Amino acid sequence: MASDFNYDSPEVDPIAVADAIRCHYRLPELSQEEREQRRIENELYRWECQQRGEQRAFEYQQQQAAEAEAARREAAIAAEQARQKAQREMRERDRERDREQQLVGLHIRAKQQEVWQSNVDAAARRAVAVRQQQALLADVERHLIPPPPEPEPEVIYVEAEQGTGRLGHADFDPRLMARPLRWFG
């Protein structure tokens, strides 16, 4: 079958092109300009694909960096919250321990006060008992033992301070002569 396809005709009939391909089992030869144009278009397509790939890789890296930054921020926030929670718990434990120590201290002071009070009460009871015993003994002594005799008056001798006021003595002092002599103390 012969092909009536004309390459130079300005209007190309697609059916004629399909018939020409079927007859020859291959596409018509391309001109040098068409080959160059296809090579440029292929290079342009490859370059666009490479640019799209680089753009996607860049966007992926940006997305990964943003996700990593968000994860770091969330981790920092979680760590800060955990630190604050640990500090709150530690302060609460310290307050509880201080409260327990204060309660123990108050219990100890209360026991000490109780012991002191019981010692004071016991001492007061002993003092009352001793006073009662002494009062009873004094009452018994007063009834059984006669009162002691009155004390005898004591004679007190006064000696001259320095020298004497008497004439004829070796330690005579004329100033002492003006004072009267005391015979009884």
C-alpha atoms as a PDB file:
ATOM      1  CA  MET A   1       0.000   0.000   0.000  1.00  0.00           C
ATOM      2  CA  ALA A   2       1.352   3.297  -1.026  1.00  0.00           C
ATOM      3  CA  SER A   3       1.136   6.331   1.112  1.00  0.00           C
ATOM      4  CA  ASP A   4      -0.196   9.534  -0.270  1.00  0.00           C
ATOM      5  CA  PHE A   5       1.150  11.564   2.687  1.00  0.00           C
ATOM      6  CA  ASN A   6       2.910  14.768   1.788  1.00  0.00           C
ATOM      7  CA  TYR A   7       5.377  16.115   4.339  1.00  0.00           C
ATOM      8  CA  ASP A   8       5.415  19.551   2.741  1.00  0.00           C
ATOM      9  CA  SER A   9       1.719  20.192   2.885  1.00  0.00           C
ATOM     10  CA  PRO A  10       0.696  22.947   5.297  1.00  0.00           C
ATOM     11  CA  GLU A  11      -2.320  21.030   6.587  1.00  0.00           C
ATOM     12  CA  VAL A  12      -1.551  17.675   8.063  1.00  0.00           C
ATOM     13  CA  ASP A  13      -4.272  15.123   8.123  1.00  0.00           C
ATOM     14  CA  PRO A  14      -3.937  12.909  11.238  1.00  0.00           C
ATOM     15  CA  ILE A  15      -5.395   9.949   9.440  1.00  0.00           C
ATOM     16  CA  ALA A  16      -2.765  10.277   6.769  1.00  0.00           C
ATOM     17  CA  VAL A  17      -0.069  10.389   9.478  1.00  0.00           C
ATOM     18  CA  ALA A  18      -1.483   7.257  11.077  1.00  0.00           C
ATOM     19  CA  ASP A  19      -1.579   5.536   7.671  1.00  0.00           C
ATOM     20  CA  ALA A  20       1.997   6.543   7.013  1.00  0.00           C
ATOM     21  CA  ILE A  21       3.095   5.116  10.372  1.00  0.00           C
ATOM     22  CA  ARG A  22       1.255   1.889   9.780  1.00  0.00           C
ATOM     23  CA  CYS A  23       2.817   1.507   6.392  1.00  0.00           C
ATOM     24  CA  HIS A  24       6.351   2.150   7.422  1.00  0.00           C
ATOM     25  CA  TYR A  25       6.176   0.910  11.036  1.00  0.00           C
ATOM     26  CA  ARG A  26       8.113   3.926  12.200  1.00  0.00           C
ATOM     27  CA  LEU A  27       7.812   7.635  12.586  1.00  0.00           C
ATOM     28  CA  PRO A  28       9.100   9.897   9.917  1.00  0.00           C
ATOM     29  CA  GLU A  29      12.625  11.166  10.302  1.00  0.00           C
ATOM     30  CA  LEU A  30      12.999  14.402  12.241  1.00  0.00           C
ATOM     31  CA  SER A  31      14.930  17.303  10.897  1.00  0.00           C
ATOM     32  CA  GLN A  32      18.031  18.649  12.608  1.00  0.00           C
ATOM     33  CA  GLU A  33      16.064  21.593  13.996  1.00  0.00           C
ATOM     34  CA  GLU A  34      13.328  19.324  15.355  1.00  0.00           C
ATOM     35  CA  ARG A  35      15.918  17.050  16.968  1.00  0.00           C
ATOM     36  CA  GLU A  36      17.604  20.068  18.522  1.00  0.00           C
ATOM     37  CA  GLN A  37      14.227  21.400  19.674  1.00  0.00           C
ATOM     38  CA  ARG A  38      13.344  18.015  21.279  1.00  0.00           C
ATOM     39  CA  ARG A  39      16.764  17.789  22.935  1.00  0.00           C
ATOM     40  CA  ILE A  40      16.254  21.289  24.392  1.00  0.00           C
ATOM     41  CA  GLU A  41      12.744  20.387  25.507  1.00  0.00           C
ATOM     42  CA  ASN A  42      14.057  17.154  27.106  1.00  0.00           C
ATOM     43  CA  GLU A  43      16.838  19.039  28.876  1.00  0.00           C
ATOM     44  CA  LEU A  44      14.345  21.677  29.960  1.00  0.00           C
ATOM     45  CA  TYR A  45      12.001  18.917  31.222  1.00  0.00           C
ATOM     46  CA  ARG A  46      14.868  17.196  33.090  1.00  0.00           C
ATOM     47  CA  TRP A  47      15.946  20.540  34.548  1.00  0.00           C
ATOM     48  CA  GLU A  48      12.335  21.278  35.645  1.00  0.00           C
ATOM     49  CA  CYS A  49      12.112  17.777  37.164  1.00  0.00           C
ATOM     50  CA  GLN A  50      15.420  18.361  38.953  1.00  0.00           C
ATOM     51  CA  GLN A  51      14.188  21.758  40.181  1.00  0.00           C
ATOM     52  CA  ARG A  52      10.926  20.211  41.382  1.00  0.00           C
ATOM     53  CA  GLY A  53      12.908  17.448  43.128  1.00  0.00           C
ATOM     54  CA  GLU A  54      15.233  19.975  44.752  1.00  0.00           C
ATOM     55  CA  GLN A  55      12.235  22.119  45.735  1.00  0.00           C
ATOM     56  CA  ARG A  56      10.515  19.072  47.245  1.00  0.00           C
ATOM     57  CA  ALA A  57      13.725  18.075  49.035  1.00  0.00           C
ATOM     58  CA  PHE A  58      14.136  21.637  50.330  1.00  0.00           C
ATOM     59  CA  GLU A  59      10.509  21.744  51.474  1.00  0.00           C
ATOM     60  CA  TYR A  60      10.926  18.320  53.079  1.00  0.00           C
ATOM     61  CA  GLN A  61      14.063  19.501  54.893  1.00  0.00           C
ATOM     62  CA  GLN A  62      12.233  22.665  55.978  1.00  0.00           C
ATOM     63  CA  GLN A  63       9.321  20.561  57.183  1.00  0.00           C
ATOM     64  CA  GLN A  64      11.672  18.166  59.008  1.00  0.00           C
ATOM     65  CA  ALA A  65      13.531  21.119  60.580  1.00  0.00           C
ATOM     66  CA  ALA A  66      10.226  22.700  61.640  1.00  0.00           C
ATOM     67  CA  GLU A  67       9.011  19.392  63.082  1.00  0.00           C
ATOM     68  CA  ALA A  68      12.342  18.900  64.867  1.00  0.00           C
ATOM     69  CA  GLU A  69      12.177  22.461  66.239  1.00  0.00           C
ATOM     70  CA  ALA A  70       8.592  21.894  67.362  1.00  0.00           C
ATOM     71  CA  ALA A  71       9.644  18.606  68.989  1.00  0.00           C
ATOM     72  CA  ARG A  72      12.544  20.378  70.723  1.00  0.00           C
ATOM     73  CA  ARG A  73      10.209  23.121  71.930  1.00  0.00           C
ATOM     74  CA  GLU A  74       7.691  20.560  73.166  1.00  0.00           C
ATOM     75  CA  ALA A  75      10.482  18.594  74.854  1.00  0.00           C
ATOM     76  CA  ALA A  76      11.795  21.795  76.477  1.00  0.00           C
ATOM     77  CA  ILE A  77       8.292  22.706  77.632  1.00  0.00           C
ATOM     78  CA  ALA A  78       7.741  19.177  78.954  1.00  0.00           C
ATOM     79  CA  ALA A  79      11.132  19.246  80.697  1.00  0.00           C
ATOM     80  CA  GLU A  80      10.349  22.645  82.253  1.00  0.00           C
ATOM     81  CA  GLN A  81       6.952  21.413  83.385  1.00  0.00           C
ATOM     82  CA  ALA A  82       8.536  18.259  84.822  1.00  0.00           C
ATOM     83  CA  ARG A  83      11.171  20.380  86.589  1.00  0.00           C
ATOM     84  CA  GLN A  84       8.513  22.693  88.019  1.00  0.00           C
ATOM     85  CA  LYS A  85       6.427  19.712  89.084  1.00  0.00           C
ATOM     86  CA  ALA A  86       9.459  18.117  90.756  1.00  0.00           C
ATOM     87  CA  GLN A  87      10.217  21.403  92.531  1.00  0.00           C
ATOM     88  CA  ARG A  88       6.606  21.703  93.697  1.00  0.00           C
ATOM     89  CA  GLU A  89       6.669  18.118  94.949  1.00  0.00           C
ATOM     90  CA  MET A  90      10.007  18.713  96.682  1.00  0.00           C
ATOM     91  CA  ARG A  91       8.684  21.900  98.327  1.00  0.00           C
ATOM     92  CA  GLU A  92       5.558  20.012  99.395  1.00  0.00           C
ATOM     93  CA  ARG A  93       7.669  17.179 100.849  1.00  0.00           C
ATOM     94  CA  ASP A  94       9.852  19.729 102.640  1.00  0.00           C
ATOM     95  CA  ARG A  95       6.771  21.478 104.032  1.00  0.00           C
ATOM     96  CA  GLU A  96       5.307  18.141 105.120  1.00  0.00           C
ATOM     97  CA  ARG A  97       8.613  17.119 106.737  1.00  0.00           C
ATOM     98  CA  ASP A  98       8.869  20.501 108.497  1.00  0.00           C
ATOM     99  CA  ARG A  99       5.277  20.169 109.665  1.00  0.00           C
ATOM    100  CA  GLU A 100       5.991  16.661 110.994  1.00  0.00           C
ATOM    101  CA  GLN A 101       9.161  17.893 112.713  1.00  0.00           C
ATOM    102  CA  GLN A 102       7.203  20.749 114.279  1.00  0.00           C
ATOM    103  CA  LEU A 103       4.534  18.317 115.452  1.00  0.00           C
ATOM    104  CA  VAL A 104       7.192  16.017 116.895  1.00  0.00           C
ATOM    105  CA  GLY A 105       8.812  19.037 118.557  1.00  0.00           C
ATOM    106  CA  LEU A 106       5.447  20.096 119.993  1.00  0.00           C
ATOM    107  CA  HIS A 107       4.813  16.551 121.247  1.00  0.00           C
ATOM    108  CA  ILE A 108       8.239  16.510 122.880  1.00  0.00           C
ATOM    109  CA  ARG A 109       7.660  19.919 124.474  1.00  0.00           C
ATOM    110  CA  ALA A 110       4.216  18.817 125.657  1.00  0.00           C
ATOM    111  CA  LYS A 111       5.727  15.673 127.204  1.00  0.00           C
ATOM    112  CA  GLN A 112       8.484  17.745 128.807  1.00  0.00           C
ATOM    113  CA  GLN A 113       5.872  20.155 130.157  1.00  0.00           C
ATOM    114  CA  GLU A 114       3.823  17.221 131.425  1.00  0.00           C
ATOM    115  CA  VAL A 115       6.861  15.672 133.134  1.00  0.00           C
ATOM    116  CA  TRP A 116       7.874  19.052 134.558  1.00  0.00           C
ATOM    117  CA  GLN A 117       4.331  19.641 135.817  1.00  0.00           C
ATOM    118  CA  SER A 118       4.205  16.193 137.398  1.00  0.00           C
ATOM    119  CA  ASN A 119       7.604  16.858 139.046  1.00  0.00           C
ATOM    120  CA  VAL A 120       6.333  20.219 140.334  1.00  0.00           C
ATOM    121  CA  ASP A 121       3.134  18.590 141.621  1.00  0.00           C
ATOM    122  CA  ALA A 122       5.125  15.813 143.299  1.00  0.00           C
ATOM    123  CA  ALA A 123       7.501  18.372 144.868  1.00  0.00           C
ATOM    124  CA  ALA A 124       4.535  20.417 146.081  1.00  0.00           C
ATOM    125  CA  ARG A 125       2.930  17.288 147.585  1.00  0.00           C
ATOM    126  CA  ARG A 126       6.237  16.378 149.253  1.00  0.00           C
ATOM    127  CA  ALA A 127       6.613  19.927 150.579  1.00  0.00           C
ATOM    128  CA  VAL A 128       3.061  19.853 151.988  1.00  0.00           C
ATOM    129  CA  ALA A 129       3.720  16.448 153.533  1.00  0.00           C
ATOM    130  CA  VAL A 130       7.012  17.647 155.056  1.00  0.00           C
ATOM    131  CA  ARG A 131       5.322  20.783 156.420  1.00  0.00           C
ATOM    132  CA  GLN A 132       2.529  18.680 157.896  1.00  0.00           C
ATOM    133  CA  GLN A 133       5.097  16.325 159.448  1.00  0.00           C
ATOM    134  CA  GLN A 134       7.060  19.256 160.863  1.00  0.00           C
ATOM    135  CA  ALA A 135       3.882  20.846 162.193  1.00  0.00           C
ATOM    136  CA  LEU A 136       2.899  17.556 163.840  1.00  0.00           C
ATOM    137  CA  LEU A 137       6.385  17.091 165.286  1.00  0.00           C
ATOM    138  CA  ALA A 138       6.436  20.681 166.548  1.00  0.00           C
ATOM    139  CA  ASP A 139       3.027  20.166 168.148  1.00  0.00           C
ATOM    140  CA  VAL A 140       4.217  16.930 169.749  1.00  0.00           C
ATOM    141  CA  GLU A 141       7.445  18.589 170.955  1.00  0.00           C
ATOM    142  CA  ARG A 142       5.524  21.521 172.376  1.00  0.00           C
ATOM    143  CA  HIS A 143       3.327  19.175 174.369  1.00  0.00           C
ATOM    144  CA  LEU A 144       6.011  16.737 175.456  1.00  0.00           C
ATOM    145  CA  ILE A 145       9.163  18.831 175.827  1.00  0.00           C
ATOM    146  CA  PRO A 146       9.163  21.692 178.393  1.00  0.00           C
ATOM    147  CA  PRO A 147      10.150  25.128 177.119  1.00  0.00           C
ATOM    148  CA  PRO A 148      13.820  26.048 177.521  1.00  0.00           C
ATOM    149  CA  PRO A 149      14.820  28.382 180.390  1.00  0.00           C
ATOM    150  CA  GLU A 150      15.227  32.087 179.732  1.00  0.00           C
ATOM    151  CA  PRO A 151      18.746  32.997 178.711  1.00  0.00           C
ATOM    152  CA  GLU A 152      20.899  34.734 181.278  1.00  0.00           C
ATOM    153  CA  PRO A 153      21.988  38.263 180.547  1.00  0.00           C
ATOM    154  CA  GLU A 154      25.485  38.556 179.266  1.00  0.00           C
ATOM    155  CA  VAL A 155      27.956  41.014 180.612  1.00  0.00           C
ATOM    156  CA  ILE A 156      29.802  42.863 177.957  1.00  0.00           C
ATOM    157  CA  TYR A 157      33.100  44.460 178.762  1.00  0.00           C
ATOM    158  CA  VAL A 158      34.128  47.459 176.769  1.00  0.00           C
ATOM    159  CA  GLU A 159      37.751  48.102 176.401  1.00  0.00           C
ATOM    160  CA  ALA A 160      39.277  51.367 175.422  1.00  0.00           C
ATOM    161  CA  GLU A 161      39.929  51.794 171.796  1.00  0.00           C
ATOM    162  CA  GLN A 162      43.462  53.054 172.063  1.00  0.00           C
ATOM    163  CA  GLY A 163      44.794  54.033 175.301  1.00  0.00           C
ATOM    164  CA  THR A 164      42.698  54.841 178.375  1.00  0.00           C
ATOM    165  CA  GLY A 165      41.093  57.862 179.955  1.00  0.00           C
ATOM    166  CA  ARG A 166      42.495  57.154 183.382  1.00  0.00           C
ATOM    167  CA  LEU A 167      45.274  59.156 184.787  1.00  0.00           C
ATOM    168  CA  GLY A 168      48.340  57.333 185.773  1.00  0.00           C
ATOM    169  CA  HIS A 169      48.157  54.622 183.161  1.00  0.00           C
ATOM    170  CA  ALA A 170      50.887  54.269 180.605  1.00  0.00           C
ATOM    171  CA  ASP A 171      48.485  54.529 177.658  1.00  0.00           C
ATOM    172  CA  PHE A 172      46.620  57.623 178.916  1.00  0.00           C
ATOM    173  CA  ASP A 173      44.847  59.639 176.186  1.00  0.00           C
ATOM    174  CA  PRO A 174      43.403  63.002 177.243  1.00  0.00           C
ATOM    175  CA  ARG A 175      40.694  62.897 174.533  1.00  0.00           C
ATOM    176  CA  LEU A 176      39.161  59.828 176.153  1.00  0.00           C
ATOM    177  CA  MET A 177      38.852  61.633 179.482  1.00  0.00           C
ATOM    178  CA  ALA A 178      35.991  63.767 178.239  1.00  0.00           C
ATOM    179  CA  ARG A 179      33.779  60.680 177.589  1.00  0.00           C
ATOM    180  CA  PRO A 180      31.977  59.042 180.444  1.00  0.00           C
ATOM    181  CA  LEU A 181      32.937  55.492 181.338  1.00  0.00           C
ATOM    182  CA  ARG A 182      30.498  52.683 180.802  1.00  0.00           C
ATOM    183  CA  TRP A 183      30.310  50.137 183.507  1.00  0.00           C
ATOM    184  CA  PHE A 184      27.680  47.852 181.991  1.00  0.00           C
ATOM    185  CA  GLY A 185      27.272  46.924 178.386  1.00  0.00           C
END
